Amino acid sequence: MEYEGFKKEILKMSDINLSLYKEKQMKRRIDSLIRKNGYENYKEYVQALKQDSNQYNEFINYLTINVSEFYRNPEQWEVLRDQIIPMLLQRSPVLKVWSTACSTGDEPYTLAMVLSEHMPLNRIKILATDIDVEALKKARTGVYSAKSLEKLPEKYIRSFFTTDGNLYHVKDELKQCVDFRHINLLKDPYPGNCDLIVCRNVLIYFTEEAKSQMYAKFNKALKDRGVLFIGSTEQIIMSARYKLTPIKTFFYIKDGDI
């Protein structure tokens, strides 16, 4: 079985289309995982994925590149807190917020903490989605290591976590602000009427064709003058074709439908 055949098997098993990921990068990651687990080729590995749920879950987790931490790139969160959220609140007292590719929950919980500077927790509703079911389970549990919280301001740690040895537990009142759901960004319908969409440090793994499709869908998912917040390793080339205008570094505002 060659890599093309492997991609077809994975699409049937998981609904994940590996052809929409940058091939050289993704193939290198998968080949490394196959060697690590002691398999000789793609055919052997596919059989293992079909027969062993632990192997399958490990593969999906590895595939979806779950690198996450609270308050990643702090200066960007400060721009969101001090400039973007106040601008959005001028138009709507209740914000519809979507955290895409949320991984283990660090980002949507950070969003809820930042939003709490502007409104009570009972007014904060964040949809947080990911393709990885295991990551979503961890996110709902809300238990993190000290390393995950290294960049988080101390005031947030005091207000929104309880400690148990070296572990930090998200308090229930913050958990209630976030609704975790499974969404595959490459194929599932997107929510609509969003004031703010956060999609950080994930688009770099996709082909230009896949990114173009996703930017168009983000436009449709945003309200007029809604904002897309992307990652520090990304920029939208020719954003005007998607009716997305840069307003700050890593922040784009929707200025019409496409």
Protein backbone atom coordinates (compact mmCIF):
# COMPACT_ATOMS: atom_id res chain seq x y z
CA MET A 1 0.00 0.00 0.00
CA GLU A 2 1.37 3.41 -1.00
CA TYR A 3 0.61 6.72 0.73
CA GLU A 4 -2.28 7.45 -1.68
CA GLY A 5 -3.96 4.19 -0.64
CA PHE A 6 -3.32 4.98 3.02
CA LYS A 7 -5.03 8.36 2.61
CA LYS A 8 -8.11 6.65 1.11
CA GLU A 9 -8.30 4.20 4.03
CA ILE A 10 -8.02 7.02 6.59
CA LEU A 11 -10.77 8.96 4.81
CA LYS A 12 -13.09 5.93 5.03
CA MET A 13 -12.23 5.29 8.70
CA SER A 14 -12.20 8.81 10.10
CA ASP A 15 -13.67 11.24 7.54
CA ILE A 16 -10.32 13.06 7.63
CA ASN A 17 -9.10 13.97 4.15
CA LEU A 18 -5.31 13.91 4.32
CA SER A 19 -5.12 15.29 0.78
CA LEU A 20 -6.07 18.69 2.22
CA TYR A 21 -3.03 18.71 4.52
CA LYS A 22 0.43 19.72 3.27
CA GLU A 23 1.66 16.35 2.03
CA LYS A 24 5.40 16.48 2.73
CA GLN A 25 4.86 17.65 6.31
CA MET A 26 2.01 15.24 7.09
CA LYS A 27 3.64 12.20 5.45
CA ARG A 28 6.80 12.79 7.49
CA ARG A 29 4.77 12.89 10.72
CA ILE A 30 2.85 9.71 9.87
CA ASP A 31 5.98 7.81 8.78
CA SER A 32 7.59 8.74 12.10
CA LEU A 33 4.57 7.45 14.04
CA ILE A 34 4.53 4.18 12.09
CA ARG A 35 8.20 3.57 12.90
CA LYS A 36 7.70 4.51 16.55
CA ASN A 37 4.98 1.86 16.86
CA GLY A 38 7.07 -0.83 15.19
CA TYR A 39 5.14 -1.30 11.92
CA GLU A 40 6.79 -1.98 8.58
CA ASN A 41 4.43 -0.22 6.20
CA TYR A 42 1.12 1.59 5.68
CA LYS A 43 -0.83 -1.66 5.20
CA GLU A 44 0.24 -3.06 8.59
CA TYR A 45 -0.51 0.25 10.28
CA VAL A 46 -3.99 0.57 8.76
CA GLN A 47 -4.85 -2.92 10.04
CA ALA A 48 -3.67 -1.92 13.52
CA LEU A 49 -5.77 1.25 13.43
CA LYS A 50 -8.85 -0.79 12.49
CA GLN A 51 -8.34 -3.34 15.24
CA ASP A 52 -6.98 -1.32 18.19
CA SER A 53 -8.92 1.70 19.47
CA ASN A 54 -5.93 2.89 21.50
CA GLN A 55 -3.76 2.96 18.37
CA TYR A 56 -6.53 4.75 16.48
CA ASN A 57 -6.97 7.40 19.19
CA GLU A 58 -3.21 7.93 19.34
CA PHE A 59 -3.15 8.40 15.56
CA ILE A 60 -5.97 10.97 15.56
CA ASN A 61 -4.37 12.85 18.45
CA TYR A 62 -1.00 12.90 16.68
CA LEU A 63 -2.56 13.84 13.38
CA THR A 64 -4.41 16.85 14.75
CA ILE A 65 -1.25 18.40 16.22
CA ASN A 66 -2.52 19.30 19.68
CA VAL A 67 -0.08 22.00 20.72
CA SER A 68 -1.84 24.29 23.14
CA GLU A 69 -1.29 26.48 26.17
CA PHE A 70 -3.12 29.19 28.07
CA TYR A 71 -2.57 32.80 26.95
CA ARG A 72 -0.31 31.79 24.06
CA ASN A 73 1.32 34.95 22.59
CA PRO A 74 0.20 37.26 25.45
CA GLU A 75 0.46 40.51 23.48
CA GLN A 76 -2.21 39.26 21.07
CA TRP A 77 -4.59 38.49 23.91
CA GLU A 78 -4.02 42.02 25.22
CA VAL A 79 -5.02 43.48 21.84
CA LEU A 80 -8.13 41.29 21.93
CA ARG A 81 -8.98 42.39 25.48
CA ASP A 82 -8.25 46.11 25.12
CA GLN A 83 -9.26 46.86 21.53
CA ILE A 84 -11.17 44.12 19.70
CA ILE A 85 -13.70 43.09 22.36
CA PRO A 86 -14.67 46.70 23.25
CA MET A 87 -15.20 47.39 19.52
CA LEU A 88 -17.44 44.32 19.16
CA LEU A 89 -19.41 45.20 22.29
CA GLN A 90 -20.27 48.60 20.84
CA ARG A 91 -22.40 46.75 18.29
CA SER A 92 -23.77 43.91 20.39
CA PRO A 93 -24.06 43.48 24.18
CA VAL A 94 -23.94 39.67 23.80
CA LEU A 95 -21.18 38.16 21.66
CA LYS A 96 -21.32 34.89 19.77
CA VAL A 97 -17.78 33.50 19.96
CA TRP A 98 -16.37 30.41 18.23
CA SER A 99 -12.99 28.89 19.19
CA THR A 100 -12.07 26.54 16.35
CA ALA A 101 -9.48 23.74 16.58
CA CYS A 102 -9.61 24.26 20.35
CA SER A 103 -7.51 21.17 21.17
CA THR A 104 -7.49 20.48 24.93
CA GLY A 105 -9.40 23.63 25.87
CA ASP A 106 -6.62 26.04 26.84
CA GLU A 107 -7.70 28.60 24.24
CA PRO A 108 -11.47 28.78 24.86
CA TYR A 109 -10.94 28.94 28.61
CA THR A 110 -8.46 31.78 28.00
CA LEU A 111 -11.13 33.48 25.87
CA ALA A 112 -13.67 33.18 28.67
CA MET A 113 -11.23 34.70 31.17
CA VAL A 114 -10.45 37.61 28.86
CA LEU A 115 -14.15 38.21 28.17
CA SER A 116 -14.81 38.22 31.93
CA GLU A 117 -12.97 41.56 32.06
CA HIS A 118 -15.91 43.04 30.12
CA MET A 119 -18.99 41.11 31.29
CA PRO A 120 -20.22 38.70 33.97
CA LEU A 121 -19.57 35.01 33.40
CA ASN A 122 -23.26 34.23 32.94
CA ARG A 123 -23.24 36.33 29.76
CA ILE A 124 -20.27 34.51 28.21
CA LYS A 125 -21.08 31.71 25.76
CA ILE A 126 -18.25 30.24 23.71
CA LEU A 127 -18.58 27.42 21.18
CA ALA A 128 -15.31 25.45 21.20
CA THR A 129 -14.75 22.79 18.55
CA ASP A 130 -12.13 20.27 17.50
CA ILE A 131 -11.80 17.18 15.32
CA ASP A 132 -10.12 15.16 18.11
CA VAL A 133 -12.65 13.51 20.43
CA GLU A 134 -9.99 12.62 23.02
CA ALA A 135 -8.76 16.23 23.18
CA LEU A 136 -12.35 17.38 23.71
CA LYS A 137 -12.72 14.95 26.62
CA LYS A 138 -9.67 16.47 28.29
CA ALA A 139 -11.00 19.96 27.60
CA ARG A 140 -14.32 19.18 29.30
CA THR A 141 -12.46 17.73 32.30
CA GLY A 142 -10.47 20.98 32.61
CA VAL A 143 -7.39 19.71 34.46
CA TYR A 144 -3.98 21.12 33.47
CA SER A 145 -0.32 21.05 34.45
CA ALA A 146 1.52 24.08 35.78
CA LYS A 147 3.46 24.25 32.49
CA SER A 148 0.24 24.90 30.55
CA LEU A 149 -0.44 27.95 32.72
CA GLU A 150 3.06 29.48 32.62
CA LYS A 151 2.00 32.52 30.55
CA LEU A 152 -1.38 33.05 32.19
CA PRO A 153 -1.65 36.18 34.37
CA GLU A 154 -1.69 35.38 38.08
CA LYS A 155 -5.04 37.13 38.59
CA TYR A 156 -6.72 34.61 36.26
CA ILE A 157 -5.11 31.64 38.00
CA ARG A 158 -6.33 32.91 41.40
CA SER A 159 -9.85 33.58 40.13
CA PHE A 160 -10.57 30.61 37.90
CA PHE A 161 -8.58 27.58 39.14
CA THR A 162 -8.29 25.36 42.17
CA THR A 163 -5.07 23.45 42.80
CA ASP A 164 -4.48 19.81 43.60
CA GLY A 165 -0.77 19.18 44.03
CA ASN A 166 0.81 20.11 40.70
CA LEU A 167 -2.51 20.10 38.86
CA TYR A 168 -4.83 23.02 38.19
CA HIS A 169 -8.59 22.47 37.89
CA VAL A 170 -10.80 24.92 35.98
CA LYS A 171 -13.63 26.09 38.23
CA ASP A 172 -17.15 25.07 37.26
CA GLU A 173 -18.30 28.65 36.76
CA LEU A 174 -15.74 29.06 33.96
CA LYS A 175 -16.48 25.63 32.47
CA GLN A 176 -20.12 26.66 32.10
CA CYS A 177 -19.07 29.43 29.69
CA VAL A 178 -17.77 26.94 27.11
CA ASP A 179 -19.68 24.41 25.00
CA PHE A 180 -17.28 21.81 23.54
CA ARG A 181 -18.37 20.07 20.33
CA HIS A 182 -16.88 17.92 17.58
CA ILE A 183 -16.44 19.69 14.22
CA ASN A 184 -14.24 18.78 11.26
CA LEU A 185 -13.32 22.15 9.72
CA LEU A 186 -12.67 20.54 6.35
CA LYS A 187 -16.15 19.08 5.86
CA ASP A 188 -18.72 19.96 8.53
CA PRO A 189 -21.09 22.97 8.44
CA TYR A 190 -19.83 26.03 10.30
CA PRO A 191 -21.94 27.91 12.88
CA GLY A 192 -23.32 31.23 11.68
CA ASN A 193 -23.72 34.79 12.91
CA CYS A 194 -20.44 34.84 14.87
CA ASP A 195 -19.06 38.09 16.29
CA LEU A 196 -15.62 36.57 16.84
CA ILE A 197 -13.94 33.48 15.40
CA VAL A 198 -10.60 32.34 16.81
CA CYS A 199 -8.58 30.01 14.56
CA ARG A 200 -4.93 30.09 15.60
CA ASN A 201 -1.90 28.09 14.50
CA VAL A 202 -3.79 25.39 12.64
CA LEU A 203 -4.18 26.71 9.09
CA ILE A 204 -0.43 26.40 8.50
CA TYR A 205 -0.87 22.62 8.20
CA PHE A 206 -3.32 22.78 5.28
CA THR A 207 -2.87 23.15 1.53
CA GLU A 208 -3.59 26.52 -0.12
CA GLU A 209 -6.76 25.05 -1.63
CA ALA A 210 -8.05 23.93 1.77
CA LYS A 211 -7.17 27.27 3.37
CA SER A 212 -9.01 29.15 0.63
CA GLN A 213 -12.15 27.07 1.23
CA MET A 214 -11.92 27.67 4.99
CA TYR A 215 -11.45 31.45 4.68
CA ALA A 216 -14.55 31.61 2.48
CA LYS A 217 -16.49 29.61 5.07
CA PHE A 218 -15.21 31.84 7.89
CA ASN A 219 -16.56 34.83 5.97
CA LYS A 220 -19.99 33.20 5.82
CA ALA A 221 -19.82 32.27 9.52
CA LEU A 222 -19.10 35.84 10.63
CA LYS A 223 -21.58 38.63 11.13
CA ASP A 224 -20.90 41.72 9.05
CA ARG A 225 -18.02 43.51 10.82
CA GLY A 226 -17.27 40.37 12.81
CA VAL A 227 -13.62 39.54 13.51
CA LEU A 228 -11.38 36.58 12.67
CA PHE A 229 -8.38 36.13 15.02
CA ILE A 230 -5.58 33.98 13.55
CA GLY A 231 -2.26 32.67 14.85
CA SER A 232 1.18 34.25 15.07
CA THR A 233 2.57 31.92 12.40
CA GLU A 234 -0.13 32.85 9.88
CA GLN A 235 -1.33 35.61 7.62
CA ILE A 236 -4.10 35.65 5.02
CA ILE A 237 -2.58 36.30 1.59
CA MET A 238 -4.85 38.54 -0.53
CA SER A 239 -7.43 38.69 2.25
CA ALA A 240 -9.60 41.09 0.20
CA ARG A 241 -10.76 38.18 -1.98
CA TYR A 242 -12.46 36.78 1.15
CA LYS A 243 -13.81 40.23 2.15
CA LEU A 244 -11.57 40.13 5.24
CA THR A 245 -9.65 43.33 6.02
CA PRO A 246 -6.69 43.42 8.45
CA ILE A 247 -7.36 45.78 11.36
CA LYS A 248 -4.51 44.72 13.66
CA THR A 249 -1.77 42.16 13.17
CA PHE A 250 -3.53 38.73 13.29
CA PHE A 251 -7.03 40.30 13.36
CA TYR A 252 -9.28 40.60 10.28
CA ILE A 253 -12.71 42.20 10.05
CA LYS A 254 -15.43 41.05 7.68
CA ASP A 255 -16.45 43.84 5.31
CA GLY A 256 -19.03 42.10 3.16
CA ASP A 257 -20.22 38.73 1.84
CA ILE A 258 -18.50 36.71 -0.85
